[in-house]
Amino acid sequence: MPALLLALAEAIIGFFIRYIGPLLLQALVFFGLTFVTQKYVTTNFVQYIQGAIGGAPATAISALASVQFDKAVTIILGAYVTAGAGRLVLRKKAS
């Protein structure tokens, strides 16, 4: 009986190390990248775009605001920057 419990515990620990550990690591990296891009990178892009369309007529700006264009730009840029940063961080090093 103790040998069976030991084998079962070894299998469970091996499963967590082999499968759950890398998934947890990827989740932590993803959430870290998302936080950094939302906090620092995306705000700069949104400010740049706001400055670029600042000279537009008031009716055009109010139309963009009514369809929540600023939120759409923030979501799209955040996804784009996170995907680009994820490719840089998550690639394997050459030995």
Protein backbone atom coordinates (compact mmCIF):
# COMPACT_ATOMS: atom_id res chain seq x y z
CA MET A 1 0.00 0.00 0.00
CA PRO A 2 2.73 2.57 0.83
CA ALA A 3 4.44 1.78 -2.48
CA LEU A 4 1.19 2.47 -4.34
CA LEU A 5 0.73 5.81 -2.54
CA LEU A 6 4.35 6.73 -3.25
CA ALA A 7 3.93 5.93 -6.95
CA LEU A 8 0.70 7.92 -7.08
CA ALA A 9 2.30 10.92 -5.36
CA GLU A 10 5.27 10.71 -7.73
CA ALA A 11 2.93 10.67 -10.74
CA ILE A 12 0.98 13.66 -9.48
CA ILE A 13 4.12 15.66 -8.75
CA GLY A 14 5.54 14.75 -12.16
CA PHE A 15 2.33 15.89 -13.83
CA PHE A 16 2.46 19.26 -12.08
CA ILE A 17 6.12 19.77 -12.92
CA ARG A 18 5.73 18.67 -16.54
CA TYR A 19 2.43 20.32 -17.50
CA ILE A 20 1.14 22.77 -14.92
CA GLY A 21 4.48 24.49 -14.24
CA PRO A 22 5.11 25.73 -17.80
CA LEU A 23 1.46 26.81 -18.14
CA LEU A 24 1.70 28.77 -14.92
CA LEU A 25 4.95 30.37 -16.08
CA GLN A 26 3.38 31.40 -19.40
CA ALA A 27 0.37 32.85 -17.59
CA LEU A 28 2.60 34.91 -15.31
CA VAL A 29 4.64 36.19 -18.26
CA PHE A 30 1.45 37.04 -20.16
CA PHE A 31 -0.08 38.99 -17.29
CA GLY A 32 3.22 40.78 -16.67
CA LEU A 33 3.48 41.77 -20.33
CA THR A 34 -0.12 42.90 -20.39
CA PHE A 35 0.37 45.06 -17.31
CA VAL A 36 3.55 46.67 -18.65
CA THR A 37 2.11 47.37 -22.09
CA GLN A 38 -1.12 48.83 -20.68
CA LYS A 39 0.75 50.92 -18.11
CA TYR A 40 3.58 52.33 -20.22
CA VAL A 41 3.48 51.59 -23.94
CA THR A 42 -0.19 51.87 -24.87
CA THR A 43 -0.70 55.18 -23.09
CA ASN A 44 2.08 56.75 -25.14
CA PHE A 45 0.57 55.44 -28.39
CA VAL A 46 -2.89 56.72 -27.46
CA GLN A 47 -1.48 60.15 -26.60
CA TYR A 48 0.31 60.24 -29.95
CA ILE A 49 -2.89 59.40 -31.81
CA GLN A 50 -4.86 61.97 -29.82
CA GLY A 51 -2.27 64.58 -30.75
CA ALA A 52 -2.41 63.57 -34.39
CA ILE A 53 -6.19 63.98 -34.65
CA GLY A 54 -6.33 67.00 -32.37
CA GLY A 55 -6.74 69.37 -35.32
CA ALA A 56 -9.80 67.56 -36.65
CA PRO A 57 -13.18 69.31 -36.63
CA ALA A 58 -15.25 69.05 -33.47
CA THR A 59 -18.00 67.09 -35.20
CA ALA A 60 -15.53 64.43 -36.34
CA ILE A 61 -14.07 64.13 -32.85
CA SER A 62 -17.51 63.87 -31.28
CA ALA A 63 -18.46 61.18 -33.81
CA LEU A 64 -15.33 59.22 -32.92
CA ALA A 65 -16.08 59.64 -29.23
CA SER A 66 -19.65 58.42 -29.67
CA VAL A 67 -18.47 55.10 -31.13
CA GLN A 68 -15.79 54.85 -28.39
CA PHE A 69 -12.92 55.01 -30.86
CA ASP A 70 -10.40 55.68 -28.08
CA LYS A 71 -11.23 52.42 -26.32
CA ALA A 72 -11.02 50.49 -29.58
CA VAL A 73 -7.58 51.96 -30.32
CA THR A 74 -6.41 51.11 -26.80
CA ILE A 75 -7.55 47.49 -27.11
CA ILE A 76 -6.06 47.00 -30.57
CA LEU A 77 -2.73 48.62 -29.71
CA GLY A 78 -2.51 46.71 -26.42
CA ALA A 79 -3.04 43.40 -28.19
CA TYR A 80 -0.53 44.28 -30.89
CA VAL A 81 2.18 45.37 -28.45
CA THR A 82 1.58 42.42 -26.12
CA ALA A 83 1.87 39.95 -29.00
CA GLY A 84 5.08 41.57 -30.20
CA ALA A 85 6.62 41.61 -26.75
CA GLY A 86 5.50 38.03 -26.14
CA ARG A 87 7.38 36.87 -29.21
CA LEU A 88 10.51 38.51 -27.88
CA VAL A 89 10.26 37.21 -24.34
CA LEU A 90 8.91 33.69 -24.91
CA ARG A 91 11.26 32.51 -27.65
CA LYS A 92 13.87 29.93 -26.73
CA LYS A 93 17.53 30.81 -26.46
CA ALA A 94 19.92 29.14 -28.84
CA SER A 95 22.43 26.97 -27.00
